Amino acid sequence: MNVDLEIALAAELDPIVDVASELGLDPEQIIPYGWTKAKVPIEVLDEAAQTNADGRLILVTAMSPTPAGEGKTTTSIGLVDGLNELARQKPEVGTAVLALREPSMGPVFGMKGGAAGGGHAQVVPMEDINLHFTGDFAAIAAANNLAVTMLDNHIHHGNDLDVDLRRVHIRRVVDLNDRALRNVTIGLGGINGGVPREDHFDIVVASEVMAVFCLSTSVADLKERLGRIVIAHSRAREPITVADIGAAGAMTALLRNALSPNLVQSLEHSPAFIHGGPFANIAHGCNSLLATRAAMTLGDWAVTEAGFGADLGAEKFLDIKCRVAGIWPSAVVVVATLRALKYHGGVEVADVETPNVDAVLSGMSNLEHHCQNLLNIYGLTPVVCFNRFPTDTDEEMSAAIEHLRDQGIAAVESTHWADGGKGALALAEAVVEAAVKAGDADGAGSRAQYSYDLELPLEEKIRTVARRIYGAADIDLPAAVKRKLEQFTDEGYGDAPICIAKTQYSLSTDPKLRGVPKDHTIVVRDVRLSAGAGFVVVIAGDIMTMPGLPKEPSAFNIDVDENGNITGLF
């Protein structure tokens, strides 16, 4: 059995009513899903917000990762457990609450595996969380596909809106990696089979309905956002929305219960809200706004993460989510590993566990780039956390930490995977120190500063992020893409933020360019309007919104034994 699953299954979980009680919630204020999971109704969170002051918000992000990932979720969980361990020693520190994304079954069955942490820093029940959980993703998929179905039905029954079949923008979705569905033809089989047209599938976490779900503040806000999703254009080039085809109410009905955040716990019984799950390389990469708000309302510390490196997840968290929510982190943890440093220092993936101090220092440029962006562009204090692996040597770790401290960047190693919250005590103390300092510096901890102004033209916003965040020389915008940006502006969306979808493995759009590439160009392949979510998606490089499975997917290893226990899940 995989060690992460073995640890998770051996854990003794508190009843979810006890976890809720630690947050000041009575049993009748939650909706249990069995003994270990629950939803917290939005009205309960609204009531708590009337009396509770917001806790400090801590963002966890990372350097550009290796294909295996650097343990950002594991570190987020370890940090919350570490803060709560610190609070047991120093009660004045206060309670920490976690806010994370729900895992997509695409990566679970694909290459990366689950997203419930690892080792002794996990959220549980991990097998439920990594698979169907409370059914949120199924509800999001159903709502999205209902909109497409109703659009096709409208076309079949006369097409009163004069939908241009060449300009249908909404795509069907499924929460699996399935490259064969990227481009399909539907409506075949004669007059009763509907109207034939070209169609496409995305993975659920790339859908606009997922983005809308994660940025909504209430059921009413959800319905309004769903209604303004532009799903097609007419032959007269007029936008056609979800509201136009009468689908917003039914979609909201499918999502009403799902919108309430999910409450679970860590192995050390820290409260954890796990809700929503857009990818950061193809969407905005943050858990739901409601889950983050819940953690801030019910805890003294709210720890959340944004997917992949700071160029993707942190940028979108700060430039999109924080603008919408009116929130701002007090400090940022940047997760790094020695293997990622060596990878960006030129070492191949197969050799990153071989000790190599020179490669560790050579790869520092990537980590420093992310830290300097956070400090100089966003005005945020970065704390580097080295997520320690068994193959790391003391010589390598000492060299890495000393190098960063010489640059004026706080850096600590953490052993939360092996030791849980106690292994993250140094990280917790560094985060508290950074957040308190930021809050004491004339309110710097609450002063937002973004990487671009919304008043800039859409093209200039893309160019600004490319240059300021990615270090690019310029962007490459084909004429067809420019025309679409002009169309979005003409339709009233010119002041929207942008959400750039690109590879997570490089600051460029070429995953093979490691470290900090110089004089590179961000190649924009397409742009899509997400009017309901309130941003413009920019497809850069070869990124796919429907991933495919690798030659040997993780699904090969997942099974159920004769006693009904899941094996091979990680």
Protein backbone atom coordinates (compact mmCIF):
# COMPACT_ATOMS: atom_id res chain seq x y z
CA MET A 1 0.00 0.00 0.00
CA ASN A 2 1.20 3.55 -0.73
CA VAL A 3 2.65 5.15 2.40
CA ASP A 4 0.44 8.26 2.20
CA LEU A 5 -2.72 6.16 2.01
CA GLU A 6 -1.44 3.85 4.75
CA ILE A 7 -0.88 6.81 7.08
CA ALA A 8 -4.26 8.29 6.22
CA LEU A 9 -6.16 5.05 6.81
CA ALA A 10 -4.42 4.51 10.17
CA ALA A 11 -5.40 7.95 11.45
CA GLU A 12 -8.04 8.41 14.13
CA LEU A 13 -10.34 11.14 12.92
CA ASP A 14 -12.41 13.38 15.16
CA PRO A 15 -16.14 13.46 14.46
CA ILE A 16 -16.80 16.37 12.14
CA VAL A 17 -19.13 17.92 14.73
CA ASP A 18 -16.10 18.20 17.05
CA VAL A 19 -14.02 19.85 14.33
CA ALA A 20 -16.87 22.31 13.74
CA SER A 21 -17.12 22.95 17.47
CA GLU A 22 -13.48 24.09 17.52
CA LEU A 23 -14.58 26.79 15.06
CA GLY A 24 -17.47 27.83 17.28
CA LEU A 25 -20.10 26.07 15.19
CA ASP A 26 -22.92 24.06 16.75
CA PRO A 27 -23.96 20.65 15.30
CA GLU A 28 -27.14 22.13 13.84
CA GLN A 29 -25.08 24.74 11.94
CA ILE A 30 -23.41 22.18 9.67
CA ILE A 31 -24.69 19.64 7.15
CA PRO A 32 -22.83 16.35 7.82
CA TYR A 33 -21.80 14.03 4.99
CA GLY A 34 -21.22 11.03 7.23
CA TRP A 35 -19.01 11.31 10.33
CA THR A 36 -15.95 12.95 8.80
CA LYS A 37 -17.18 15.51 6.24
CA ALA A 38 -19.66 18.36 6.31
CA LYS A 39 -20.83 21.41 4.46
CA VAL A 40 -21.14 24.74 6.25
CA PRO A 41 -24.12 26.70 4.91
CA ILE A 42 -23.40 30.15 3.51
CA GLU A 43 -25.91 31.77 5.87
CA VAL A 44 -23.97 30.36 8.85
CA LEU A 45 -20.76 31.90 7.51
CA ASP A 46 -22.55 35.20 6.91
CA GLU A 47 -23.76 35.25 10.51
CA ALA A 48 -20.26 34.50 11.83
CA ALA A 49 -18.82 37.31 9.70
CA GLN A 50 -21.08 39.79 11.50
CA THR A 51 -19.32 39.20 14.82
CA ASN A 52 -15.85 37.82 13.94
CA ALA A 53 -12.91 39.92 12.78
CA ASP A 54 -10.98 38.56 9.79
CA GLY A 55 -7.89 36.53 10.61
CA ARG A 56 -4.56 37.08 8.87
CA LEU A 57 -4.37 35.53 5.41
CA ILE A 58 -1.26 33.57 4.40
CA LEU A 59 -0.75 32.56 0.77
CA VAL A 60 1.31 29.48 -0.09
CA THR A 61 2.85 29.40 -3.57
CA ALA A 62 6.03 27.94 -5.06
CA MET A 63 8.96 28.24 -7.41
CA SER A 64 8.51 26.77 -10.91
CA PRO A 65 8.01 23.06 -10.18
CA THR A 66 9.46 19.84 -11.49
CA PRO A 67 6.98 17.43 -13.13
CA ALA A 68 6.49 15.68 -9.76
CA GLY A 69 5.50 18.87 -7.92
CA GLU A 70 7.23 20.27 -4.84
CA GLY A 71 4.66 19.58 -2.12
CA LYS A 72 2.82 22.89 -1.97
CA THR A 73 -0.40 21.34 -0.66
CA THR A 74 1.56 19.23 1.82
CA THR A 75 3.34 22.38 3.01
CA SER A 76 0.05 24.29 3.35
CA ILE A 77 -1.32 21.53 5.58
CA GLY A 78 1.93 21.28 7.52
CA LEU A 79 1.93 25.05 8.08
CA VAL A 80 -1.59 25.02 9.55
CA ASP A 81 -0.67 22.12 11.82
CA GLY A 82 2.55 23.96 12.73
CA LEU A 83 0.66 27.17 13.58
CA ASN A 84 -1.76 25.22 15.75
CA GLU A 85 1.14 23.41 17.43
CA LEU A 86 2.74 26.82 18.07
CA ALA A 87 -0.57 28.03 19.51
CA ARG A 88 -0.55 25.16 21.99
CA GLN A 89 2.79 26.50 23.23
CA LYS A 90 1.83 30.17 22.87
CA PRO A 91 -1.98 30.57 23.06
CA GLU A 92 -1.77 34.20 21.93
CA VAL A 93 -0.86 32.97 18.43
CA GLY A 94 -4.46 31.84 17.85
CA THR A 95 -6.13 29.20 15.71
CA ALA A 96 -5.16 28.41 12.11
CA VAL A 97 -7.67 27.20 9.50
CA LEU A 98 -6.87 25.77 6.08
CA ALA A 99 -8.50 26.58 2.73
CA LEU A 100 -7.59 24.34 -0.21
CA ARG A 101 -8.86 23.32 -3.64
CA GLU A 102 -10.64 20.04 -4.22
CA PRO A 103 -8.58 17.55 -6.26
CA SER A 104 -9.55 16.85 -9.86
CA MET A 105 -9.83 13.19 -10.81
CA GLY A 106 -7.91 13.99 -14.00
CA PRO A 107 -4.53 14.16 -12.20
CA VAL A 108 -5.60 11.56 -9.62
CA PHE A 109 -5.89 8.95 -12.40
CA GLY A 110 -3.25 10.63 -14.57
CA MET A 111 0.33 11.51 -13.71
CA LYS A 112 0.44 13.65 -10.58
CA GLY A 113 -1.85 11.70 -8.28
CA GLY A 114 -4.08 13.17 -5.58
CA ALA A 115 -3.98 16.55 -3.90
CA ALA A 116 -4.71 15.85 -0.24
CA GLY A 117 -1.13 16.32 0.97
CA GLY A 118 1.24 13.56 1.92
CA GLY A 119 2.99 11.75 4.75
CA HIS A 120 2.00 13.20 8.12
CA ALA A 121 0.69 16.41 6.55
CA GLN A 122 -2.60 15.34 4.97
CA VAL A 123 -6.26 16.26 4.97
CA VAL A 124 -8.58 13.34 5.59
CA PRO A 125 -10.46 11.25 4.62
CA MET A 126 -8.02 11.44 1.73
CA GLU A 127 -9.58 8.68 -0.36
CA ASP A 128 -12.95 10.49 -0.31
CA ILE A 129 -11.38 13.90 -0.97
CA ASN A 130 -9.39 12.60 -3.94
CA LEU A 131 -12.36 10.88 -5.55
CA HIS A 132 -16.02 12.00 -5.41
CA PHE A 133 -15.87 13.92 -2.10
CA THR A 134 -19.23 15.68 -1.61
CA GLY A 135 -20.15 15.71 -5.29
CA ASP A 136 -19.24 19.34 -6.03
CA PHE A 137 -17.41 18.58 -9.27
CA ALA A 138 -20.27 16.41 -10.52
CA ALA A 139 -22.66 19.30 -9.86
CA ILE A 140 -20.38 21.73 -11.71
CA ALA A 141 -20.08 19.37 -14.67
CA ALA A 142 -23.86 18.86 -14.76
CA ALA A 143 -24.54 22.60 -14.63
CA ASN A 144 -22.04 23.30 -17.40
CA ASN A 145 -23.37 20.51 -19.61
CA LEU A 146 -26.96 21.57 -18.98
CA ALA A 147 -26.13 24.97 -20.51
CA VAL A 148 -24.65 23.30 -23.60
CA THR A 149 -27.61 20.92 -23.85
CA MET A 150 -30.10 23.77 -23.65
CA LEU A 151 -28.17 25.70 -26.30
CA ASP A 152 -28.23 22.70 -28.66
CA ASN A 153 -31.91 22.21 -27.89
CA HIS A 154 -32.59 25.86 -28.75
CA ILE A 155 -30.79 25.42 -32.09
CA HIS A 156 -32.72 22.20 -32.80
CA HIS A 157 -36.10 23.86 -32.15
CA GLY A 158 -35.77 26.69 -34.64
CA ASN A 159 -32.79 28.74 -33.44
CA ASP A 160 -34.74 31.93 -32.70
CA LEU A 161 -31.56 33.60 -31.44
CA ASP A 162 -29.86 32.89 -34.79
CA VAL A 163 -26.90 31.15 -33.11
CA ASP A 164 -23.91 30.96 -35.44
CA LEU A 165 -22.84 27.29 -35.25
CA ARG A 166 -19.27 28.37 -36.01
CA ARG A 167 -19.22 30.63 -32.95
CA VAL A 168 -20.35 28.42 -30.07
CA HIS A 169 -17.95 29.09 -27.19
CA ILE A 170 -19.14 26.93 -24.32
CA ARG A 171 -17.71 23.40 -24.25
CA ARG A 172 -18.87 20.22 -22.62
CA VAL A 173 -16.78 19.01 -19.68
CA VAL A 174 -15.78 15.82 -17.88
CA ASP A 175 -13.54 15.45 -14.80
CA LEU A 176 -11.09 13.08 -16.48
CA ASN A 177 -8.14 13.40 -18.83
CA ASP A 178 -9.46 12.39 -22.25
CA ARG A 179 -7.58 13.67 -25.29
CA ALA A 180 -10.01 11.91 -27.66
CA LEU A 181 -12.73 14.36 -26.62
CA ARG A 182 -10.79 17.55 -27.36
CA ASN A 183 -12.43 17.87 -30.78
CA VAL A 184 -15.66 16.02 -31.63
CA THR A 185 -18.64 16.29 -33.95
CA ILE A 186 -22.13 16.09 -32.45
CA GLY A 187 -25.67 15.96 -33.78
CA LEU A 188 -25.12 13.06 -36.16
CA GLY A 189 -27.76 10.41 -36.80
CA GLY A 190 -30.44 12.21 -38.73
CA ILE A 191 -33.16 14.74 -37.92
CA ASN A 192 -33.80 13.36 -34.42
CA GLY A 193 -30.11 13.54 -33.52
CA GLY A 194 -30.00 17.32 -33.30
CA VAL A 195 -28.15 19.81 -35.49
CA PRO A 196 -24.65 18.68 -36.48
CA ARG A 197 -21.81 20.94 -35.38
CA GLU A 198 -18.22 20.83 -34.24
CA ASP A 199 -17.86 20.61 -30.46
CA HIS A 200 -15.12 20.30 -27.84
CA PHE A 201 -14.59 19.01 -24.31
CA ASP A 202 -12.61 20.60 -21.49
CA ILE A 203 -11.73 19.11 -18.14
CA VAL A 204 -14.16 20.34 -15.44
CA VAL A 205 -11.53 22.40 -13.66
CA ALA A 206 -10.94 24.46 -16.83
CA SER A 207 -14.60 25.37 -17.31
CA GLU A 208 -15.96 28.86 -16.79
CA VAL A 209 -18.66 27.42 -14.53
CA MET A 210 -15.88 26.26 -12.18
CA ALA A 211 -14.37 29.77 -12.22
CA VAL A 212 -17.79 31.34 -11.59
CA PHE A 213 -18.42 28.86 -8.75
CA CYS A 214 -15.12 29.76 -7.09
CA LEU A 215 -15.58 33.55 -7.33
CA SER A 216 -19.24 33.71 -6.24
CA THR A 217 -20.12 35.18 -2.86
CA SER A 218 -23.72 33.99 -2.57
CA VAL A 219 -26.43 32.04 -4.39
CA ALA A 220 -27.72 35.30 -5.87
CA ASP A 221 -24.24 36.25 -7.06
CA LEU A 222 -23.78 32.76 -8.51
CA LYS A 223 -27.02 33.01 -10.49
CA GLU A 224 -26.13 36.46 -11.83
CA ARG A 225 -22.65 35.35 -12.88
CA LEU A 226 -23.96 32.19 -14.53
CA GLY A 227 -26.52 34.23 -16.45
CA ARG A 228 -23.91 36.49 -18.02
CA ILE A 229 -21.67 33.69 -19.35
CA VAL A 230 -21.36 34.28 -23.10
CA ILE A 231 -21.94 30.86 -24.66
CA ALA A 232 -22.15 31.79 -28.36
CA HIS A 233 -22.54 34.61 -30.88
CA SER A 234 -25.28 35.12 -33.40
CA ARG A 235 -24.64 35.45 -37.11
CA ALA A 236 -24.95 39.19 -36.56
CA ARG A 237 -22.04 38.88 -34.08
CA GLU A 238 -24.23 39.63 -31.06
CA PRO A 239 -23.28 37.82 -27.81
CA ILE A 240 -25.69 35.14 -26.57
CA THR A 241 -25.62 34.39 -22.84
CA VAL A 242 -26.81 31.67 -20.49
CA ALA A 243 -29.59 34.02 -19.44
CA ASP A 244 -30.68 34.38 -23.08
CA ILE A 245 -31.37 30.63 -23.34
CA GLY A 246 -33.09 30.52 -19.95
CA ALA A 247 -30.59 28.20 -18.24
CA ALA A 248 -29.33 30.30 -15.31
CA GLY A 249 -32.03 29.25 -12.84
CA ALA A 250 -31.71 25.53 -13.46
CA MET A 251 -27.90 25.71 -13.34
CA THR A 252 -28.13 27.52 -10.00
CA ALA A 253 -30.46 24.83 -8.70
CA LEU A 254 -27.81 22.21 -9.53
CA LEU A 255 -25.11 24.23 -7.75
CA ARG A 256 -27.03 25.62 -4.77
CA ASN A 257 -25.94 23.01 -2.23
CA ALA A 258 -22.49 22.59 -3.72
CA LEU A 259 -21.75 26.28 -3.13
CA SER A 260 -21.52 25.76 0.63
CA PRO A 261 -17.85 25.07 1.58
CA ASN A 262 -16.75 21.57 2.64
CA LEU A 263 -15.27 21.11 6.12
CA VAL A 264 -12.81 18.29 6.90
CA GLN A 265 -9.67 18.00 9.07
CA SER A 266 -5.96 17.39 8.90
CA LEU A 267 -4.31 14.35 10.47
CA GLU A 268 -3.72 16.57 13.51
CA HIS A 269 -7.38 17.68 13.53
CA SER A 270 -6.81 21.20 12.21
CA PRO A 271 -10.00 22.48 10.50
CA ALA A 272 -9.79 22.51 6.70
CA PHE A 273 -12.17 23.98 4.13
CA ILE A 274 -11.72 22.21 0.78
CA HIS A 275 -13.85 23.69 -1.95
CA GLY A 276 -13.63 24.35 -5.68
CA GLY A 277 -10.67 23.49 -7.84
CA PRO A 278 -9.66 25.44 -10.96
CA PHE A 279 -6.22 24.53 -12.34
CA ALA A 280 -3.65 27.33 -12.20
CA ASN A 281 -2.01 26.52 -15.53
CA ILE A 282 -5.35 26.65 -17.39
CA ALA A 283 -7.61 28.61 -15.00
CA HIS A 284 -7.22 30.95 -12.00
CA GLY A 285 -5.95 28.26 -9.65
CA CYS A 286 -7.53 29.09 -6.29
CA ASN A 287 -10.06 27.45 -3.99
CA SER A 288 -13.44 29.12 -3.66
CA LEU A 289 -13.69 32.64 -2.36
CA LEU A 290 -16.27 31.38 0.13
CA ALA A 291 -13.82 28.83 1.56
CA THR A 292 -11.11 31.45 1.96
CA ARG A 293 -13.59 33.80 3.62
CA ALA A 294 -14.74 30.97 5.91
CA ALA A 295 -11.15 30.31 7.02
CA MET A 296 -10.54 34.02 7.62
CA THR A 297 -13.83 34.47 9.50
CA LEU A 298 -13.50 31.43 11.74
CA GLY A 299 -9.73 31.43 12.33
CA ASP A 300 -7.01 33.81 13.52
CA TRP A 301 -4.86 32.55 10.65
CA ALA A 302 -6.17 31.47 7.25
CA VAL A 303 -3.72 29.51 5.13
CA THR A 304 -4.53 29.04 1.47
CA GLU A 305 -2.60 28.05 -1.64
CA ALA A 306 -2.53 29.03 -5.28
CA GLY A 307 -1.56 26.41 -7.83
CA PHE A 308 1.88 25.79 -9.35
CA GLY A 309 4.56 28.51 -9.33
CA ALA A 310 4.08 32.11 -8.25
CA ASP A 311 4.03 33.20 -11.91
CA LEU A 312 0.74 31.32 -12.33
CA GLY A 313 -1.11 30.69 -9.08
CA ALA A 314 0.07 33.65 -7.00
CA GLU A 315 -0.31 36.14 -9.87
CA LYS A 316 -3.91 35.06 -10.48
CA PHE A 317 -4.70 34.89 -6.77
CA LEU A 318 -3.49 38.46 -6.29
CA ASP A 319 -4.57 40.07 -9.57
CA ILE A 320 -7.94 38.30 -9.93
CA LYS A 321 -9.23 36.76 -6.69
CA CYS A 322 -7.98 39.45 -4.31
CA ARG A 323 -9.47 42.19 -6.50
CA VAL A 324 -12.86 40.46 -6.48
CA ALA A 325 -12.84 39.66 -2.77
CA GLY A 326 -11.18 42.78 -1.39
CA ILE A 327 -8.65 40.69 0.54
CA TRP A 328 -4.85 40.70 0.69
CA PRO A 329 -2.34 38.31 2.29
CA SER A 330 -0.15 39.34 5.20
CA ALA A 331 2.71 37.13 4.00
CA VAL A 332 3.54 34.60 1.31
CA VAL A 333 5.25 31.23 1.68
CA VAL A 334 7.23 30.18 -1.39
CA VAL A 335 7.71 26.41 -1.40
CA ALA A 336 11.01 25.18 -2.82
CA THR A 337 12.86 21.89 -2.92
CA LEU A 338 16.50 21.09 -3.51
CA ARG A 339 15.47 18.85 -6.40
CA ALA A 340 13.64 21.75 -8.08
CA LEU A 341 16.68 23.99 -7.61
CA LYS A 342 18.88 21.35 -9.18
CA TYR A 343 16.39 20.92 -12.03
CA HIS A 344 16.48 24.64 -12.78
CA GLY A 345 20.25 24.51 -12.39
CA GLY A 346 20.45 22.19 -15.41
CA VAL A 347 20.20 18.72 -13.83
CA GLU A 348 17.89 16.24 -15.54
CA VAL A 349 14.87 14.89 -13.62
CA ALA A 350 16.43 11.43 -13.28
CA ASP A 351 19.42 12.89 -11.42
CA VAL A 352 17.85 15.49 -9.12
CA GLU A 353 18.24 13.29 -6.04
CA THR A 354 22.01 13.09 -6.50
CA PRO A 355 23.81 15.55 -4.15
CA ASN A 356 25.02 18.60 -6.09
CA VAL A 357 25.60 21.86 -4.21
CA ASP A 358 26.69 23.72 -7.35
CA ALA A 359 23.43 22.85 -9.13
CA VAL A 360 21.42 23.92 -6.07
CA LEU A 361 23.01 27.36 -6.19
CA SER A 362 22.77 27.55 -9.97
CA GLY A 363 19.01 26.98 -9.81
CA MET A 364 18.50 29.77 -7.26
CA SER A 365 17.78 32.25 -10.06
CA ASN A 366 14.29 30.80 -10.58
CA LEU A 367 13.40 30.90 -6.88
CA GLU A 368 14.80 34.41 -6.47
CA HIS A 369 12.80 35.60 -9.49
CA HIS A 370 9.53 34.54 -7.85
CA CYS A 371 10.53 36.05 -4.49
CA GLN A 372 11.53 39.37 -6.04
CA ASN A 373 8.25 39.55 -7.98
CA LEU A 374 6.29 39.11 -4.76
CA LEU A 375 8.37 41.68 -2.92
CA ASN A 376 8.87 44.34 -5.60
CA ILE A 377 5.65 44.08 -7.62
CA TYR A 378 3.12 43.10 -4.96
CA GLY A 379 4.83 44.46 -1.85
CA LEU A 380 4.56 41.12 -0.06
CA THR A 381 7.08 39.53 2.28
CA PRO A 382 8.18 36.10 0.99
CA VAL A 383 9.20 33.31 3.36
CA VAL A 384 10.93 30.44 1.56
CA CYS A 385 10.08 26.99 2.86
CA PHE A 386 12.39 24.17 1.83
CA ASN A 387 10.20 21.08 1.86
CA ARG A 388 12.80 18.54 2.92
CA PHE A 389 13.09 15.16 1.19
CA PRO A 390 14.99 12.10 2.56
CA THR A 391 17.63 12.40 -0.19
CA ASP A 392 18.49 16.02 0.69
CA THR A 393 21.90 16.49 2.31
CA ASP A 394 22.72 18.88 5.15
CA GLU A 395 25.43 20.46 3.00
CA GLU A 396 22.97 21.26 0.20
CA MET A 397 20.32 22.56 2.59
CA SER A 398 22.74 24.78 4.49
CA ALA A 399 24.08 26.23 1.25
CA ALA A 400 20.57 27.02 -0.02
CA ILE A 401 19.36 28.66 3.20
CA GLU A 402 22.57 30.66 3.66
CA HIS A 403 22.42 31.89 0.06
CA LEU A 404 18.86 33.22 0.47
CA ARG A 405 19.54 34.81 3.83
CA ASP A 406 22.49 36.63 2.26
CA GLN A 407 19.93 38.04 -0.22
CA GLY A 408 17.74 39.21 2.66
CA ILE A 409 15.11 36.50 2.10
CA ALA A 410 13.83 34.52 5.10
CA ALA A 411 14.30 30.79 4.53
CA VAL A 412 13.69 27.72 6.68
CA GLU A 413 13.59 23.99 6.14
CA SER A 414 10.51 22.02 7.12
CA THR A 415 9.98 18.32 7.79
CA HIS A 416 6.18 18.28 7.98
CA TRP A 417 5.91 15.28 5.62
CA ALA A 418 7.80 13.16 8.14
CA ASP A 419 6.97 14.94 11.39
CA GLY A 420 3.63 16.71 10.91
CA GLY A 421 3.05 20.03 12.67
CA LYS A 422 6.11 19.74 14.89
CA GLY A 423 8.25 19.52 11.77
CA ALA A 424 6.76 22.83 10.58
CA LEU A 425 7.28 24.83 13.79
CA ALA A 426 10.19 26.82 12.36
CA LEU A 427 8.08 27.64 9.31
CA ALA A 428 5.14 28.69 11.50
CA GLU A 429 7.37 30.98 13.56
CA ALA A 430 8.87 32.57 10.43
CA VAL A 431 5.40 33.18 8.98
CA VAL A 432 4.10 34.78 12.19
CA GLU A 433 7.15 37.04 12.33
CA ALA A 434 6.76 38.09 8.68
CA ALA A 435 3.02 38.71 8.98
CA VAL A 436 3.33 40.71 12.19
CA LYS A 437 6.10 42.86 10.69
CA ALA A 438 4.04 43.51 7.58
CA GLY A 439 1.01 44.44 9.66
CA ASP A 440 3.03 46.82 11.81
CA ALA A 441 4.57 48.67 8.85
CA ASP A 442 1.90 51.38 8.38
CA GLY A 443 -0.72 48.84 7.42
CA ALA A 444 1.43 47.28 4.69
CA GLY A 445 -0.13 43.90 5.36
CA SER A 446 -3.52 45.13 4.16
CA ARG A 447 -2.42 47.37 1.28
CA ALA A 448 -3.02 45.76 -2.10
CA GLN A 449 -0.85 46.52 -5.11
CA TYR A 450 -1.43 44.67 -8.36
CA SER A 451 0.82 43.89 -11.32
CA TYR A 452 -1.33 45.86 -13.79
CA ASP A 453 -4.12 48.42 -13.87
CA LEU A 454 -7.53 47.33 -15.09
CA GLU A 455 -7.75 50.49 -17.21
CA LEU A 456 -5.00 49.20 -19.52
CA PRO A 457 -6.12 47.73 -22.86
CA LEU A 458 -6.36 43.93 -22.80
CA GLU A 459 -3.30 43.56 -25.04
CA GLU A 460 -1.26 45.75 -22.72
CA LYS A 461 -2.35 43.76 -19.68
CA ILE A 462 -1.06 40.59 -21.33
CA ARG A 463 2.19 42.34 -22.26
CA THR A 464 2.59 43.74 -18.75
CA VAL A 465 2.24 40.34 -17.07
CA ALA A 466 4.58 38.78 -19.66
CA ARG A 467 7.27 41.36 -19.01
CA ARG A 468 6.87 42.01 -15.29
CA ILE A 469 6.02 38.51 -14.03
CA TYR A 470 7.57 36.18 -16.64
CA GLY A 471 10.54 38.37 -17.57
CA ALA A 472 9.63 38.13 -21.28
CA ALA A 473 10.86 40.50 -23.94
CA ASP A 474 7.43 40.75 -25.54
CA ILE A 475 4.31 38.85 -26.60
CA ASP A 476 3.38 37.38 -29.96
CA LEU A 477 -0.27 38.16 -30.77
CA PRO A 478 -1.55 36.79 -34.09
CA ALA A 479 -3.94 39.05 -36.02
CA ALA A 480 -6.90 36.77 -35.29
CA VAL A 481 -6.25 37.01 -31.55
CA LYS A 482 -5.97 40.80 -31.74
CA ARG A 483 -9.34 40.94 -33.46
CA LYS A 484 -10.91 38.87 -30.67
CA LEU A 485 -9.44 41.18 -28.02
CA GLU A 486 -10.86 44.17 -29.91
CA GLN A 487 -14.24 42.42 -30.06
CA PHE A 488 -14.18 41.77 -26.28
CA THR A 489 -13.42 45.45 -25.73
CA ASP A 490 -16.20 46.56 -28.07
CA GLU A 491 -18.63 44.33 -26.15
CA GLY A 492 -17.72 46.03 -22.87
CA TYR A 493 -15.12 43.69 -21.37
CA GLY A 494 -11.99 45.78 -21.91
CA ASP A 495 -11.58 46.49 -18.20
CA ALA A 496 -11.55 42.81 -17.20
CA PRO A 497 -8.47 41.21 -15.62
CA ILE A 498 -6.62 38.54 -17.59
CA CYS A 499 -6.03 34.89 -16.76
CA ILE A 500 -3.04 33.51 -18.67
CA ALA A 501 -2.99 29.76 -19.28
CA LYS A 502 0.53 28.49 -19.90
CA THR A 503 2.96 25.76 -18.90
CA GLN A 504 3.78 25.55 -15.20
CA TYR A 505 7.28 24.21 -15.79
CA SER A 506 8.87 27.40 -17.07
CA LEU A 507 8.53 31.16 -16.78
CA SER A 508 8.24 31.06 -20.56
CA THR A 509 5.74 29.23 -22.77
CA ASP A 510 8.40 26.58 -23.52
CA PRO A 511 8.50 23.96 -20.73
CA LYS A 512 12.09 23.11 -21.66
CA LEU A 513 13.41 26.57 -20.75
CA ARG A 514 14.42 26.32 -17.10
CA GLY A 515 15.79 28.83 -14.62
CA VAL A 516 15.04 32.40 -15.70
CA PRO A 517 14.89 32.51 -19.52
CA LYS A 518 16.06 35.73 -21.15
CA ASP A 519 14.61 37.55 -24.17
CA HIS A 520 11.84 35.00 -24.64
CA THR A 521 8.49 35.72 -26.25
CA ILE A 522 5.12 34.71 -24.82
CA VAL A 523 3.25 33.18 -27.75
CA VAL A 524 -0.52 33.72 -27.44
CA ARG A 525 -2.49 31.09 -29.34
CA ASP A 526 -6.04 32.10 -28.44
CA VAL A 527 -8.17 34.16 -26.05
CA ARG A 528 -11.52 33.27 -24.52
CA LEU A 529 -14.02 35.48 -22.78
CA SER A 530 -15.18 34.40 -19.31
CA ALA A 531 -17.82 37.07 -18.79
CA GLY A 532 -19.43 35.30 -15.84
CA ALA A 533 -16.15 34.85 -14.00
CA GLY A 534 -15.19 38.37 -15.02
CA PHE A 535 -11.87 37.79 -16.81
CA VAL A 536 -10.35 37.03 -20.20
CA VAL A 537 -8.52 33.70 -20.54
CA VAL A 538 -5.30 33.89 -22.57
CA ILE A 539 -4.14 30.57 -24.04
CA ALA A 540 -0.35 30.77 -24.36
CA GLY A 541 1.97 28.20 -25.92
CA ASP A 542 0.85 24.59 -26.24
CA ILE A 543 -1.21 24.39 -23.05
CA MET A 544 -4.31 22.20 -23.32
CA THR A 545 -7.64 22.77 -21.53
CA MET A 546 -8.31 19.03 -21.84
CA PRO A 547 -5.23 17.05 -20.70
CA GLY A 548 -4.40 13.54 -21.88
CA LEU A 549 -3.27 10.51 -19.89
CA PRO A 550 0.42 9.53 -19.81
CA LYS A 551 1.58 6.16 -21.14
CA GLU A 552 1.47 4.69 -17.63
CA PRO A 553 -1.28 6.58 -15.74
CA SER A 554 -1.68 6.45 -11.98
CA ALA A 555 -4.96 4.61 -12.58
CA PHE A 556 -2.89 1.46 -13.23
CA ASN A 557 -2.04 1.36 -9.51
CA ILE A 558 -5.46 2.14 -8.01
CA ASP A 559 -7.51 -0.84 -6.89
CA VAL A 560 -9.89 -2.12 -4.21
CA ASP A 561 -9.00 -5.13 -2.06
CA GLU A 562 -11.32 -7.95 -1.00
CA ASN A 563 -12.36 -5.95 2.09
CA GLY A 564 -13.41 -2.95 0.00
CA ASN A 565 -10.35 -0.84 0.90
CA ILE A 566 -8.87 1.40 -1.79
CA THR A 567 -5.20 0.75 -2.57
CA GLY A 568 -2.65 2.58 -4.72
CA LEU A 569 -4.13 6.06 -4.23
CA PHE A 570 -1.68 8.84 -3.43
